[in-house]
Amino acid sequence: MKEVSFIVLLDAYVRLRHEHKTDRGNVKEFVVQLEVEFGGHWRPVVRYDSAHGSAHKHAYRRTRPEQRDDLGLDFADALTFAEVDLRANWKRYVEEFST
């Protein structure tokens, strides 16, 4: 199984963490997570992942409970969707996290 992992710094205190595993070109597992440094620790803001056998999105807020939404996509499409969404909307997500 091939593993890919990297981090992209989007701003001084904002990063995108990407991990996925493929087998013969098929995505078997993935995590794409937008994180902010807050209080000396990296904290999740939005995470797309394949845990529990389905592609889904977690949205976190500092003052509210986590929200989880199923994507209804296969892992390859969900991985692409996650990358595009987080790169395009990271500023909005960080702002929503802080409210």
C-alpha atoms as a PDB file:
ATOM      1  CA  MET A   1       0.000   0.000   0.000  1.00  0.00           C
ATOM      2  CA  LYS A   2       1.325   3.434  -0.931  1.00  0.00           C
ATOM      3  CA  GLU A   3       1.152   6.180   1.702  1.00  0.00           C
ATOM      4  CA  VAL A   4       1.249   9.937   1.019  1.00  0.00           C
ATOM      5  CA  SER A   5       1.517  12.527   3.778  1.00  0.00           C
ATOM      6  CA  PHE A   6       2.238  16.253   3.662  1.00  0.00           C
ATOM      7  CA  ILE A   7       1.462  19.559   5.351  1.00  0.00           C
ATOM      8  CA  VAL A   8       0.797  22.858   3.572  1.00  0.00           C
ATOM      9  CA  LEU A   9       1.174  26.087   5.542  1.00  0.00           C
ATOM     10  CA  LEU A  10      -1.677  28.381   4.469  1.00  0.00           C
ATOM     11  CA  ASP A  11      -0.970  31.238   6.887  1.00  0.00           C
ATOM     12  CA  ALA A  12       1.250  31.817   9.909  1.00  0.00           C
ATOM     13  CA  TYR A  13      -1.112  29.878  12.196  1.00  0.00           C
ATOM     14  CA  VAL A  14      -3.122  27.826   9.688  1.00  0.00           C
ATOM     15  CA  ARG A  15      -2.159  24.590   7.980  1.00  0.00           C
ATOM     16  CA  LEU A  16      -3.631  21.828   5.852  1.00  0.00           C
ATOM     17  CA  ARG A  17      -2.628  18.284   6.791  1.00  0.00           C
ATOM     18  CA  HIS A  18      -3.103  15.637   4.087  1.00  0.00           C
ATOM     19  CA  GLU A  19      -2.704  11.864   4.442  1.00  0.00           C
ATOM     20  CA  HIS A  20      -3.946   9.081   2.219  1.00  0.00           C
ATOM     21  CA  LYS A  21      -3.250   5.442   1.390  1.00  0.00           C
ATOM     22  CA  THR A  22      -3.793   3.811  -1.990  1.00  0.00           C
ATOM     23  CA  ASP A  23      -3.643   0.249  -3.234  1.00  0.00           C
ATOM     24  CA  ARG A  24      -3.211  -0.152  -6.988  1.00  0.00           C
ATOM     25  CA  GLY A  25      -4.430   3.394  -7.515  1.00  0.00           C
ATOM     26  CA  ASN A  26      -7.544   3.039  -5.351  1.00  0.00           C
ATOM     27  CA  VAL A  27      -7.884   5.286  -2.307  1.00  0.00           C
ATOM     28  CA  LYS A  28      -8.279   3.049   0.757  1.00  0.00           C
ATOM     29  CA  GLU A  29      -8.010   5.623   3.575  1.00  0.00           C
ATOM     30  CA  PHE A  30      -7.685   9.385   3.815  1.00  0.00           C
ATOM     31  CA  VAL A  31      -7.616  12.369   6.154  1.00  0.00           C
ATOM     32  CA  VAL A  32      -7.509  15.981   5.011  1.00  0.00           C
ATOM     33  CA  GLN A  33      -7.627  18.368   7.946  1.00  0.00           C
ATOM     34  CA  LEU A  34      -7.560  22.134   8.294  1.00  0.00           C
ATOM     35  CA  GLU A  35      -5.830  23.103  11.548  1.00  0.00           C
ATOM     36  CA  VAL A  36      -5.160  26.311  13.466  1.00  0.00           C
ATOM     37  CA  GLU A  37      -2.526  26.888  16.097  1.00  0.00           C
ATOM     38  CA  PHE A  38      -4.375  27.953  19.208  1.00  0.00           C
ATOM     39  CA  GLY A  39      -2.957  28.034  22.713  1.00  0.00           C
ATOM     40  CA  GLY A  40       0.301  26.465  21.557  1.00  0.00           C
ATOM     41  CA  HIS A  41      -1.391  23.426  19.996  1.00  0.00           C
ATOM     42  CA  TRP A  42      -2.647  22.576  16.505  1.00  0.00           C
ATOM     43  CA  ARG A  43      -6.417  22.152  16.677  1.00  0.00           C
ATOM     44  CA  PRO A  44      -8.761  20.760  14.005  1.00  0.00           C
ATOM     45  CA  VAL A  45     -11.129  23.186  12.311  1.00  0.00           C
ATOM     46  CA  VAL A  46     -12.514  20.955   9.538  1.00  0.00           C
ATOM     47  CA  ARG A  47     -11.596  17.338   8.888  1.00  0.00           C
ATOM     48  CA  TYR A  48     -12.566  15.115   6.001  1.00  0.00           C
ATOM     49  CA  ASP A  49     -11.827  11.433   6.559  1.00  0.00           C
ATOM     50  CA  SER A  50     -12.718   7.836   5.786  1.00  0.00           C
ATOM     51  CA  ALA A  51     -12.866   6.491   9.348  1.00  0.00           C
ATOM     52  CA  HIS A  52     -15.585   3.952  10.075  1.00  0.00           C
ATOM     53  CA  GLY A  53     -15.808   2.996   6.384  1.00  0.00           C
ATOM     54  CA  SER A  54     -17.520   6.087   4.980  1.00  0.00           C
ATOM     55  CA  ALA A  55     -16.385   9.468   3.683  1.00  0.00           C
ATOM     56  CA  HIS A  56     -17.520  12.264   5.968  1.00  0.00           C
ATOM     57  CA  LYS A  57     -16.758  15.782   7.177  1.00  0.00           C
ATOM     58  CA  HIS A  58     -16.298  17.027  10.735  1.00  0.00           C
ATOM     59  CA  ALA A  59     -16.667  20.749  11.473  1.00  0.00           C
ATOM     60  CA  TYR A  60     -15.390  22.014  14.820  1.00  0.00           C
ATOM     61  CA  ARG A  61     -16.113  25.218  16.709  1.00  0.00           C
ATOM     62  CA  ARG A  62     -14.414  26.481  19.835  1.00  0.00           C
ATOM     63  CA  THR A  63     -17.722  27.062  21.617  1.00  0.00           C
ATOM     64  CA  ARG A  64     -20.092  24.475  20.081  1.00  0.00           C
ATOM     65  CA  PRO A  65     -20.238  20.711  19.609  1.00  0.00           C
ATOM     66  CA  GLU A  66     -18.682  19.061  16.574  1.00  0.00           C
ATOM     67  CA  GLN A  67     -20.876  18.678  13.488  1.00  0.00           C
ATOM     68  CA  ARG A  68     -20.525  15.521  11.339  1.00  0.00           C
ATOM     69  CA  ASP A  69     -21.904  15.158   7.808  1.00  0.00           C
ATOM     70  CA  ASP A  70     -21.721  12.117   5.541  1.00  0.00           C
ATOM     71  CA  LEU A  71     -20.551  12.975   2.036  1.00  0.00           C
ATOM     72  CA  GLY A  72     -22.102  10.156   0.021  1.00  0.00           C
ATOM     73  CA  LEU A  73     -18.966   9.967  -2.140  1.00  0.00           C
ATOM     74  CA  ASP A  74     -16.428   7.249  -2.789  1.00  0.00           C
ATOM     75  CA  PHE A  75     -13.042   7.796  -1.139  1.00  0.00           C
ATOM     76  CA  ALA A  76     -11.287   9.085  -4.278  1.00  0.00           C
ATOM     77  CA  ASP A  77     -13.964  11.684  -5.007  1.00  0.00           C
ATOM     78  CA  ALA A  78     -14.174  12.671  -1.333  1.00  0.00           C
ATOM     79  CA  LEU A  79     -10.397  13.150  -1.158  1.00  0.00           C
ATOM     80  CA  THR A  80     -10.469  15.455  -4.189  1.00  0.00           C
ATOM     81  CA  PHE A  81     -13.511  17.314  -2.857  1.00  0.00           C
ATOM     82  CA  ALA A  82     -11.827  17.822   0.527  1.00  0.00           C
ATOM     83  CA  GLU A  83      -8.646  19.268  -0.978  1.00  0.00           C
ATOM     84  CA  VAL A  84     -10.567  21.665  -3.232  1.00  0.00           C
ATOM     85  CA  ASP A  85     -12.980  22.756  -0.500  1.00  0.00           C
ATOM     86  CA  LEU A  86     -10.377  23.400   2.182  1.00  0.00           C
ATOM     87  CA  ARG A  87      -7.980  25.248  -0.115  1.00  0.00           C
ATOM     88  CA  ALA A  88     -10.792  27.467  -1.436  1.00  0.00           C
ATOM     89  CA  ASN A  89     -12.630  28.108   1.845  1.00  0.00           C
ATOM     90  CA  TRP A  90     -10.037  27.905   4.607  1.00  0.00           C
ATOM     91  CA  LYS A  91     -10.371  31.551   5.648  1.00  0.00           C
ATOM     92  CA  ARG A  92     -14.129  31.198   6.147  1.00  0.00           C
ATOM     93  CA  TYR A  93     -13.712  27.975   8.115  1.00  0.00           C
ATOM     94  CA  VAL A  94     -11.138  29.548  10.427  1.00  0.00           C
ATOM     95  CA  GLU A  95     -13.442  32.519  11.018  1.00  0.00           C
ATOM     96  CA  GLU A  96     -16.394  30.204  11.790  1.00  0.00           C
ATOM     97  CA  PHE A  97     -14.211  28.170  14.176  1.00  0.00           C
ATOM     98  CA  SER A  98     -13.478  31.294  16.200  1.00  0.00           C
ATOM     99  CA  THR A  99     -17.141  32.276  16.666  1.00  0.00           C
END
